[in-house]
Amino acid sequence: MMENNIESAVDEILEIIEANREEVEKDLRKFIEYGVPLEHAKKAVINKYSGSAKEKKLKDVNINEKNIITVAKIIFIDEREIEVRGEKRKIYRGWLGDETARLQFTAWKDFDLKEGDVIKIKNASSSEWMEQPRLNLSERTEVEKLDYDIELIKRFPERYNLVDLRPGLSNVEVRGKIMSIEEREVSVGDDIKKVFSGIIADETAKVRFTAWKDFDLKEGDVIKIRGGYVRKWRGAPQLNFDENAELEKLDEEILIEEKIVPLYKIVQAQGGIDLCFQGVILEVRKDSGIIFRCPKCNKRIKEGICDDDGEVDGNPDLRIKVLVDDGTGAVDVILNREISEKLLNKNMDEFLNLAKEAMDYGIVYDEIVNSLLTKTIKVRGDSIQSDLIVTISAKDAEIIKIDEKKEAEELLMQLEG
């Protein structure tokens, strides 16, 4: 039993420090032989090897490092709730920087960090995020607040079209037209702060935005933003800019037109709003067809049981979920009852009667597959929160009839040059 505990303890130590396994195990056994409890022995070994680590600048942090010591300034921090092994816990994510670089970080413990804090970090680790290192502050990380300031690296903003924004980008430059804006109040720590949220658009896309400062923005303004950053909110990229950003109002017009977006761009951006795309239905997901919803919360129920309200008499609904691929990428699309009835040219009551006659709701799924599989579909909608594939909730959709003869002629022309 003790042997297994020692092996596990060595594994845990090597997750924190970089050292020779044999040396670590030798030192650990020596402490235990002297009667030191295992947990105390682990800390002693960690302290021994941590002492040799040197403080480094953020630019020198590599992916998958351990025992990192650095001094940095909190640029931005956000609290969020996640589920780990079925349990909800709070984590803290944001950006920190020094004179050499800016990195994203995740704190798995509340270190009482605030924007502007200069901190010394000991025993951190790094992982990969968007091909860049991300600093991880764990339960074993030590954080000390310092009483001096540091200069942050100055970077030139990189210019993007709105369609190319994706979560994780920082110091971006964009231009766009304010399509809508509203003022609201949010809690930031112990303070109440006014923020301004809405939708901004350019010739390529629309995205949600939040301004953390009153820039006197109005609907219809065409603006250029330098120094914005992008987060994910409600399953789509969101542009954020604050007092550190530069904002210029432009005397020009932007023509907003509906354009077909290649699916690879939607996948890279991890979603979007008011998206328009076209592709082939490669699969009808198994949970398509007649479903039943809770009359109280409208969530889908299974075998008459709602997760929130228990046993209920469900209301029937027609819902289709399909995998759409345009050759560059693929997304899941959810079609509500109204859109499903339009595409299938049959209403829900007709499907219910069909299922009752056959005494099998599976017959509805079979008809959906026969009607939609391999068809080309054009969709307009918004992405929603999803842990797996990018998922779009359709606001409208239509089946596109392909002129096969014309398509073959165009392909032949391309081949002949």
Protein backbone atom coordinates (compact mmCIF):
# COMPACT_ATOMS: atom_id res chain seq x y z
CA MET A 1 0.00 0.00 0.00
CA MET A 2 2.81 2.42 1.00
CA GLU A 3 4.69 1.59 -2.22
CA ASN A 4 1.67 2.64 -4.29
CA ASN A 5 1.35 5.83 -2.25
CA ILE A 6 5.02 6.66 -2.83
CA GLU A 7 4.71 6.07 -6.58
CA SER A 8 1.63 8.30 -6.71
CA ALA A 9 3.39 10.97 -4.64
CA VAL A 10 6.38 10.96 -7.02
CA ASP A 11 3.98 11.36 -9.97
CA GLU A 12 2.34 14.34 -8.28
CA ILE A 13 5.69 15.95 -7.48
CA LEU A 14 6.89 15.59 -11.07
CA GLU A 15 3.74 17.34 -12.27
CA ILE A 16 4.94 20.39 -10.36
CA ILE A 17 8.73 20.35 -10.74
CA GLU A 18 11.24 19.30 -13.36
CA ALA A 19 13.66 16.80 -11.83
CA ASN A 20 15.11 13.31 -12.18
CA ARG A 21 12.54 10.71 -11.06
CA GLU A 22 15.09 8.52 -9.28
CA GLU A 23 16.47 11.49 -7.31
CA VAL A 24 12.97 12.63 -6.32
CA GLU A 25 11.99 9.14 -5.16
CA LYS A 26 15.26 8.76 -3.24
CA ASP A 27 14.72 12.06 -1.40
CA LEU A 28 11.08 11.25 -0.69
CA ARG A 29 11.93 7.84 0.82
CA LYS A 30 14.63 9.44 2.98
CA PHE A 31 12.12 11.87 4.50
CA ILE A 32 9.64 9.02 5.13
CA GLU A 33 12.37 6.91 6.78
CA TYR A 34 12.97 9.80 9.19
CA GLY A 35 9.29 9.57 10.16
CA VAL A 36 8.06 12.60 8.16
CA PRO A 37 4.38 12.15 7.09
CA LEU A 38 3.94 11.62 3.36
CA GLU A 39 2.21 14.95 2.67
CA HIS A 40 4.90 16.89 4.54
CA ALA A 41 7.59 14.87 2.76
CA LYS A 42 6.10 15.79 -0.62
CA LYS A 43 6.18 19.50 0.26
CA ALA A 44 9.77 19.22 1.45
CA VAL A 45 10.89 17.60 -1.82
CA ILE A 46 9.01 20.20 -3.86
CA ASN A 47 10.63 23.02 -1.87
CA LYS A 48 14.05 21.47 -2.35
CA TYR A 49 13.82 21.42 -6.14
CA SER A 50 11.80 24.63 -6.45
CA GLY A 51 14.66 26.56 -4.90
CA SER A 52 16.81 26.09 -8.00
CA ALA A 53 14.27 27.61 -10.38
CA LYS A 54 15.03 31.07 -11.75
CA GLU A 55 12.65 33.95 -12.31
CA LYS A 56 11.88 34.43 -16.00
CA LYS A 57 10.19 36.98 -18.22
CA LEU A 58 6.90 36.10 -19.92
CA LYS A 59 8.50 35.98 -23.37
CA ASP A 60 10.68 33.10 -22.12
CA VAL A 61 7.73 30.97 -20.94
CA ASN A 62 7.29 27.94 -23.19
CA ILE A 63 4.39 25.54 -23.63
CA ASN A 64 4.20 22.69 -21.06
CA GLU A 65 6.65 24.11 -18.52
CA LYS A 66 6.53 23.54 -14.76
CA ASN A 67 7.76 25.40 -11.69
CA ILE A 68 7.54 28.80 -13.40
CA ILE A 69 8.54 31.88 -11.41
CA THR A 70 7.67 35.27 -12.89
CA VAL A 71 6.52 38.81 -12.10
CA ALA A 72 3.59 40.18 -14.10
CA LYS A 73 0.74 42.68 -14.10
CA ILE A 74 -2.92 41.65 -14.30
CA ILE A 75 -4.33 43.27 -17.45
CA PHE A 76 -7.75 41.65 -17.36
CA ILE A 77 -9.46 39.05 -15.17
CA ASP A 78 -12.87 37.39 -15.40
CA GLU A 79 -14.59 34.96 -13.05
CA ARG A 80 -16.52 32.06 -14.53
CA GLU A 81 -18.12 28.80 -13.43
CA ILE A 82 -17.25 25.47 -15.02
CA GLU A 83 -18.13 21.84 -14.38
CA VAL A 84 -15.30 19.47 -13.44
CA ARG A 85 -16.17 15.78 -12.96
CA GLY A 86 -19.80 16.65 -12.39
CA GLU A 87 -19.06 19.39 -9.85
CA LYS A 88 -19.32 23.14 -10.43
CA ARG A 89 -16.33 25.28 -9.46
CA LYS A 90 -15.17 28.83 -10.01
CA ILE A 91 -12.07 29.65 -12.03
CA TYR A 92 -10.49 32.94 -13.03
CA ARG A 93 -9.23 33.69 -16.53
CA GLY A 94 -7.61 36.69 -18.07
CA TRP A 95 -4.45 38.32 -19.38
CA LEU A 96 -1.24 39.27 -17.63
CA GLY A 97 1.82 41.04 -19.00
CA ASP A 98 5.29 42.39 -18.39
CA GLU A 99 7.87 44.39 -20.38
CA THR A 100 8.38 41.48 -22.79
CA ALA A 101 5.04 39.80 -23.56
CA ARG A 102 1.38 39.28 -22.70
CA LEU A 103 -0.03 35.83 -21.89
CA GLN A 104 -3.42 34.40 -21.03
CA PHE A 105 -3.75 32.76 -17.63
CA THR A 106 -6.15 30.53 -15.71
CA ALA A 107 -6.27 30.58 -11.90
CA TRP A 108 -7.86 27.50 -10.35
CA LYS A 109 -8.06 29.21 -6.96
CA ASP A 110 -9.26 32.63 -5.81
CA PHE A 111 -6.06 34.62 -5.26
CA ASP A 112 -8.10 37.85 -4.87
CA LEU A 113 -6.56 39.26 -8.06
CA LYS A 114 -7.70 42.55 -9.59
CA GLU A 115 -6.86 44.43 -12.77
CA GLY A 116 -3.70 46.45 -12.24
CA ASP A 117 -2.22 44.16 -9.55
CA VAL A 118 1.51 43.45 -9.95
CA ILE A 119 2.20 39.96 -8.62
CA LYS A 120 5.07 37.55 -8.13
CA ILE A 121 4.08 34.02 -9.14
CA LYS A 122 5.88 30.91 -7.93
CA ASN A 123 5.29 27.30 -8.95
CA ALA A 124 3.02 27.96 -11.93
CA SER A 125 2.80 25.76 -15.01
CA SER A 126 1.99 26.40 -18.66
CA SER A 127 -0.21 24.71 -21.25
CA GLU A 128 -1.11 25.43 -24.88
CA TRP A 129 -3.88 27.76 -26.02
CA MET A 130 -4.21 28.83 -29.69
CA GLU A 131 -0.59 27.68 -30.25
CA GLN A 132 0.63 30.00 -27.48
CA PRO A 133 1.59 29.28 -23.85
CA ARG A 134 -1.08 29.90 -21.21
CA LEU A 135 -0.06 30.24 -17.57
CA ASN A 136 -1.88 28.03 -15.03
CA LEU A 137 -2.08 29.00 -11.36
CA SER A 138 -3.05 25.95 -9.33
CA GLU A 139 -3.75 25.24 -5.66
CA ARG A 140 0.02 24.79 -5.20
CA THR A 141 0.93 28.11 -6.84
CA GLU A 142 2.14 30.93 -4.59
CA VAL A 143 1.05 34.49 -5.44
CA GLU A 144 2.49 37.59 -3.75
CA LYS A 145 1.17 41.09 -4.45
CA LEU A 146 3.95 43.64 -4.99
CA ASP A 147 3.85 47.36 -4.19
CA TYR A 148 5.38 48.67 -7.42
CA ASP A 149 4.25 49.03 -11.04
CA ILE A 150 5.77 47.62 -14.21
CA GLU A 151 5.67 48.86 -17.80
CA LEU A 152 3.77 46.63 -20.20
CA ILE A 153 5.09 45.76 -23.63
CA LYS A 154 3.75 48.06 -26.32
CA ARG A 155 2.45 46.28 -29.39
CA PHE A 156 1.00 47.60 -32.61
CA PRO A 157 -2.63 46.46 -33.05
CA GLU A 158 -3.23 43.87 -35.76
CA ARG A 159 -5.98 44.66 -38.26
CA TYR A 160 -8.87 42.20 -38.69
CA ASN A 161 -12.15 41.93 -40.55
CA LEU A 162 -14.95 41.08 -38.14
CA VAL A 163 -15.45 37.65 -39.72
CA ASP A 164 -11.88 36.72 -38.71
CA LEU A 165 -12.22 37.57 -35.01
CA ARG A 166 -11.91 34.58 -32.69
CA PRO A 167 -11.78 34.19 -28.90
CA GLY A 168 -8.32 34.74 -27.45
CA LEU A 169 -7.21 37.52 -29.79
CA SER A 170 -5.96 40.72 -28.18
CA ASN A 171 -4.75 44.12 -29.35
CA VAL A 172 -6.91 43.99 -32.47
CA GLU A 173 -7.82 46.82 -34.82
CA VAL A 174 -11.26 46.72 -36.48
CA ARG A 175 -13.67 49.10 -38.15
CA GLY A 176 -17.41 48.76 -38.26
CA LYS A 177 -20.84 50.31 -38.00
CA ILE A 178 -22.80 50.33 -34.74
CA MET A 179 -26.02 48.46 -35.55
CA SER A 180 -27.43 48.61 -32.00
CA ILE A 181 -26.29 49.74 -28.56
CA GLU A 182 -27.68 49.72 -25.03
CA GLU A 183 -26.41 50.81 -21.64
CA ARG A 184 -26.48 48.46 -18.66
CA GLU A 185 -24.91 48.06 -15.23
CA VAL A 186 -22.71 45.16 -14.16
CA SER A 187 -21.02 44.19 -10.90
CA VAL A 188 -17.22 44.22 -11.01
CA GLY A 189 -15.98 43.05 -7.63
CA ASP A 190 -17.65 45.36 -5.10
CA ASP A 191 -18.30 48.10 -7.68
CA ILE A 192 -21.18 48.76 -10.06
CA LYS A 193 -19.98 49.77 -13.51
CA LYS A 194 -21.76 51.07 -16.61
CA VAL A 195 -21.04 49.20 -19.81
CA PHE A 196 -22.35 49.63 -23.34
CA SER A 197 -23.25 46.54 -25.36
CA GLY A 198 -24.61 45.97 -28.84
CA ILE A 199 -23.82 44.74 -32.33
CA ILE A 200 -21.15 46.05 -34.71
CA ALA A 201 -20.93 45.09 -38.40
CA ASP A 202 -18.61 45.47 -41.37
CA GLU A 203 -18.76 44.11 -44.92
CA THR A 204 -17.86 40.61 -43.71
CA ALA A 205 -19.84 39.89 -40.52
CA LYS A 206 -21.67 41.06 -37.41
CA VAL A 207 -20.36 40.55 -33.87
CA ARG A 208 -21.50 41.45 -30.39
CA PHE A 209 -19.43 44.08 -28.57
CA THR A 210 -19.06 45.46 -25.05
CA ALA A 211 -17.48 48.87 -24.38
CA TRP A 212 -16.21 49.21 -20.78
CA LYS A 213 -15.98 52.99 -21.15
CA ASP A 214 -18.47 55.59 -22.39
CA PHE A 215 -17.18 56.46 -25.86
CA ASP A 216 -20.42 58.36 -26.65
CA LEU A 217 -21.39 55.77 -29.26
CA LYS A 218 -24.67 55.98 -31.15
CA GLU A 219 -26.49 53.68 -33.53
CA GLY A 220 -25.21 54.32 -37.05
CA ASP A 221 -21.74 55.50 -36.00
CA VAL A 222 -18.89 54.13 -38.12
CA ILE A 223 -15.84 53.65 -35.90
CA LYS A 224 -12.28 52.34 -35.83
CA ILE A 225 -11.12 50.56 -32.67
CA ARG A 226 -7.45 49.98 -31.86
CA GLY A 227 -6.55 47.79 -28.90
CA GLY A 228 -9.66 45.63 -28.56
CA TYR A 229 -9.71 42.02 -27.41
CA VAL A 230 -12.00 39.07 -28.12
CA ARG A 231 -13.74 36.76 -25.66
CA LYS A 232 -16.34 34.03 -26.15
CA TRP A 233 -19.83 34.84 -24.89
CA ARG A 234 -23.01 32.84 -25.45
CA GLY A 235 -21.26 30.58 -27.94
CA ALA A 236 -19.89 33.36 -30.17
CA PRO A 237 -16.93 35.79 -30.34
CA GLN A 238 -17.48 39.11 -28.54
CA LEU A 239 -15.38 42.23 -29.17
CA ASN A 240 -14.39 44.11 -26.01
CA PHE A 241 -12.71 47.49 -25.64
CA ASP A 242 -12.01 49.67 -22.62
CA GLU A 243 -10.12 52.77 -21.50
CA ASN A 244 -6.89 51.29 -22.88
CA ALA A 245 -8.30 51.22 -26.42
CA GLU A 246 -8.25 54.03 -28.97
CA LEU A 247 -11.54 54.81 -30.72
CA GLU A 248 -11.99 57.03 -33.77
CA LYS A 249 -15.29 57.98 -35.41
CA LEU A 250 -15.05 57.78 -39.20
CA ASP A 251 -16.80 59.88 -41.82
CA GLU A 252 -17.64 57.02 -44.13
CA GLU A 253 -20.40 54.53 -44.85
CA ILE A 254 -20.25 50.74 -44.62
CA LEU A 255 -22.55 48.72 -46.84
CA ILE A 256 -23.99 45.83 -44.85
CA GLU A 257 -25.09 42.96 -47.10
CA GLU A 258 -25.85 39.30 -46.44
CA LYS A 259 -22.96 37.18 -47.62
CA ILE A 260 -22.34 33.43 -47.61
CA VAL A 261 -19.59 32.68 -45.06
CA PRO A 262 -17.36 29.61 -45.62
CA LEU A 263 -17.85 27.19 -42.74
CA TYR A 264 -14.14 27.01 -41.94
CA LYS A 265 -14.27 30.67 -40.90
CA ILE A 266 -17.23 29.97 -38.59
CA VAL A 267 -15.36 26.99 -37.09
CA GLN A 268 -12.17 29.05 -36.60
CA ALA A 269 -14.18 31.83 -34.93
CA GLN A 270 -15.95 29.23 -32.75
CA GLY A 271 -19.33 30.60 -33.82
CA GLY A 272 -20.95 33.93 -34.61
CA ILE A 273 -24.23 35.84 -34.90
CA ASP A 274 -26.54 36.40 -37.85
CA LEU A 275 -24.45 33.96 -39.89
CA CYS A 276 -25.37 32.96 -43.42
CA PHE A 277 -23.88 29.79 -44.90
CA GLN A 278 -24.63 26.98 -47.32
CA GLY A 279 -23.68 23.30 -47.36
CA VAL A 280 -24.76 19.71 -47.80
CA ILE A 281 -26.65 17.80 -45.10
CA LEU A 282 -24.35 14.86 -44.40
CA GLU A 283 -26.16 13.48 -41.35
CA VAL A 284 -29.49 13.78 -39.56
CA ARG A 285 -28.72 13.46 -35.85
CA LYS A 286 -30.52 10.72 -33.90
CA ASP A 287 -32.36 13.14 -31.61
CA SER A 288 -34.28 14.63 -34.55
CA GLY A 289 -38.03 14.21 -35.01
CA ILE A 290 -40.86 14.36 -32.47
CA ILE A 291 -39.59 15.34 -29.02
CA PHE A 292 -41.44 16.29 -25.84
CA ARG A 293 -40.87 19.41 -23.77
CA CYS A 294 -41.61 20.27 -20.15
CA PRO A 295 -44.76 22.47 -19.92
CA LYS A 296 -43.08 24.50 -17.14
CA CYS A 297 -39.52 25.19 -18.35
CA ASN A 298 -39.76 24.12 -22.03
CA LYS A 299 -36.68 21.89 -21.73
CA ARG A 300 -36.65 18.58 -23.52
CA ILE A 301 -37.78 15.66 -21.34
CA LYS A 302 -36.94 11.97 -21.58
CA GLU A 303 -39.41 9.24 -20.69
CA GLY A 304 -41.67 11.81 -19.04
CA ILE A 305 -38.97 13.12 -16.69
CA CYS A 306 -37.71 16.72 -16.68
CA ASP A 307 -34.31 17.32 -15.06
CA ASP A 308 -35.68 20.44 -13.32
CA ASP A 309 -39.35 19.67 -12.69
CA GLY A 310 -39.46 15.90 -12.34
CA GLU A 311 -42.33 13.84 -13.78
CA VAL A 312 -44.48 15.90 -16.19
CA ASP A 313 -46.85 15.45 -19.12
CA GLY A 314 -44.71 16.72 -21.98
CA ASN A 315 -45.84 18.86 -24.88
CA PRO A 316 -44.89 17.52 -28.34
CA ASP A 317 -42.51 19.48 -30.57
CA LEU A 318 -40.82 18.93 -33.91
CA ARG A 319 -37.06 19.52 -33.95
CA ILE A 320 -34.38 18.57 -36.46
CA LYS A 321 -30.62 18.57 -35.89
CA VAL A 322 -28.36 18.07 -38.91
CA LEU A 323 -24.66 18.08 -39.74
CA VAL A 324 -23.93 20.53 -42.56
CA ASP A 325 -20.64 20.48 -44.52
CA ASP A 326 -19.55 22.86 -47.30
CA GLY A 327 -16.22 21.18 -48.08
CA THR A 328 -14.22 23.61 -45.90
CA GLY A 329 -15.76 22.80 -42.52
CA ALA A 330 -18.81 21.40 -40.76
CA VAL A 331 -21.30 22.57 -38.13
CA ASP A 332 -24.40 21.21 -36.44
CA VAL A 333 -27.63 23.07 -37.23
CA ILE A 334 -30.79 22.99 -35.10
CA LEU A 335 -34.04 23.59 -36.99
CA ASN A 336 -37.11 24.53 -34.93
CA ARG A 337 -40.66 23.39 -35.57
CA GLU A 338 -41.56 26.23 -37.95
CA ILE A 339 -38.48 25.77 -40.13
CA SER A 340 -38.76 21.96 -40.01
CA GLU A 341 -42.39 22.06 -41.20
CA LYS A 342 -41.41 24.38 -44.04
CA LEU A 343 -38.54 22.18 -45.23
CA LEU A 344 -40.52 18.95 -44.95
CA ASN A 345 -43.76 20.43 -46.34
CA LYS A 346 -45.68 18.69 -43.56
CA ASN A 347 -46.85 19.94 -40.17
CA MET A 348 -46.25 18.41 -36.76
CA ASP A 349 -49.82 17.10 -36.37
CA GLU A 350 -49.40 15.09 -39.56
CA PHE A 351 -46.20 13.57 -38.20
CA LEU A 352 -47.91 12.78 -34.87
CA ASN A 353 -50.73 10.96 -36.69
CA LEU A 354 -48.15 9.09 -38.77
CA ALA A 355 -46.33 7.98 -35.61
CA LYS A 356 -49.55 6.92 -33.85
CA GLU A 357 -50.64 4.83 -36.82
CA ALA A 358 -47.24 3.11 -36.93
CA MET A 359 -47.03 3.05 -33.11
CA ASP A 360 -43.43 4.17 -33.54
CA TYR A 361 -41.98 7.69 -33.40
CA GLY A 362 -38.95 6.35 -35.27
CA ILE A 363 -40.94 6.55 -38.50
CA VAL A 364 -40.76 10.36 -38.28
CA TYR A 365 -36.97 10.22 -38.10
CA ASP A 366 -36.87 7.92 -41.13
CA GLU A 367 -38.99 10.34 -43.16
CA ILE A 368 -36.77 13.27 -42.19
CA VAL A 369 -33.68 11.34 -43.33
CA ASN A 370 -35.32 10.43 -46.65
CA SER A 371 -36.37 14.05 -47.23
CA LEU A 372 -33.22 15.95 -46.21
CA LEU A 373 -30.11 13.75 -46.38
CA THR A 374 -27.59 14.92 -49.07
CA LYS A 375 -29.71 18.01 -49.84
CA THR A 376 -28.02 21.41 -50.09
CA ILE A 377 -29.31 23.81 -47.46
CA LYS A 378 -28.88 27.55 -46.94
CA VAL A 379 -29.05 28.64 -43.29
CA ARG A 380 -29.17 31.92 -41.41
CA GLY A 381 -28.75 31.81 -37.64
CA ASP A 382 -26.71 32.32 -34.47
CA SER A 383 -24.30 29.94 -32.78
CA ILE A 384 -25.21 28.67 -29.32
CA GLN A 385 -23.13 27.32 -26.44
CA SER A 386 -21.78 23.86 -27.24
CA ASP A 387 -18.93 21.85 -25.76
CA LEU A 388 -18.34 19.84 -28.93
CA ILE A 389 -18.93 20.91 -32.54
CA VAL A 390 -19.97 24.49 -33.36
CA THR A 391 -23.78 24.50 -33.25
CA ILE A 392 -26.05 26.97 -35.04
CA SER A 393 -29.63 27.69 -34.03
CA ALA A 394 -31.31 28.49 -37.34
CA LYS A 395 -33.51 31.58 -37.73
CA ASP A 396 -34.33 30.58 -41.30
CA ALA A 397 -33.35 27.88 -43.75
CA GLU A 398 -34.18 26.71 -47.25
CA ILE A 399 -33.30 23.79 -49.47
CA ILE A 400 -31.31 24.94 -52.51
CA LYS A 401 -32.03 23.21 -55.78
CA ILE A 402 -28.80 22.54 -57.62
CA ASP A 403 -28.73 22.76 -61.41
CA GLU A 404 -26.60 19.66 -61.95
CA LYS A 405 -26.21 20.26 -65.69
CA LYS A 406 -25.01 23.83 -65.14
CA GLU A 407 -22.69 22.72 -62.33
CA ALA A 408 -21.18 20.00 -64.53
CA GLU A 409 -20.61 22.52 -67.37
CA GLU A 410 -18.89 24.97 -64.99
CA LEU A 411 -16.68 22.19 -63.61
CA LEU A 412 -15.75 21.11 -67.14
CA MET A 413 -14.83 24.70 -68.02
CA GLN A 414 -12.62 24.95 -64.94
CA LEU A 415 -10.86 21.68 -65.84
CA GLU A 416 -10.28 22.81 -69.43
CA GLY A 417 -8.90 26.14 -68.18
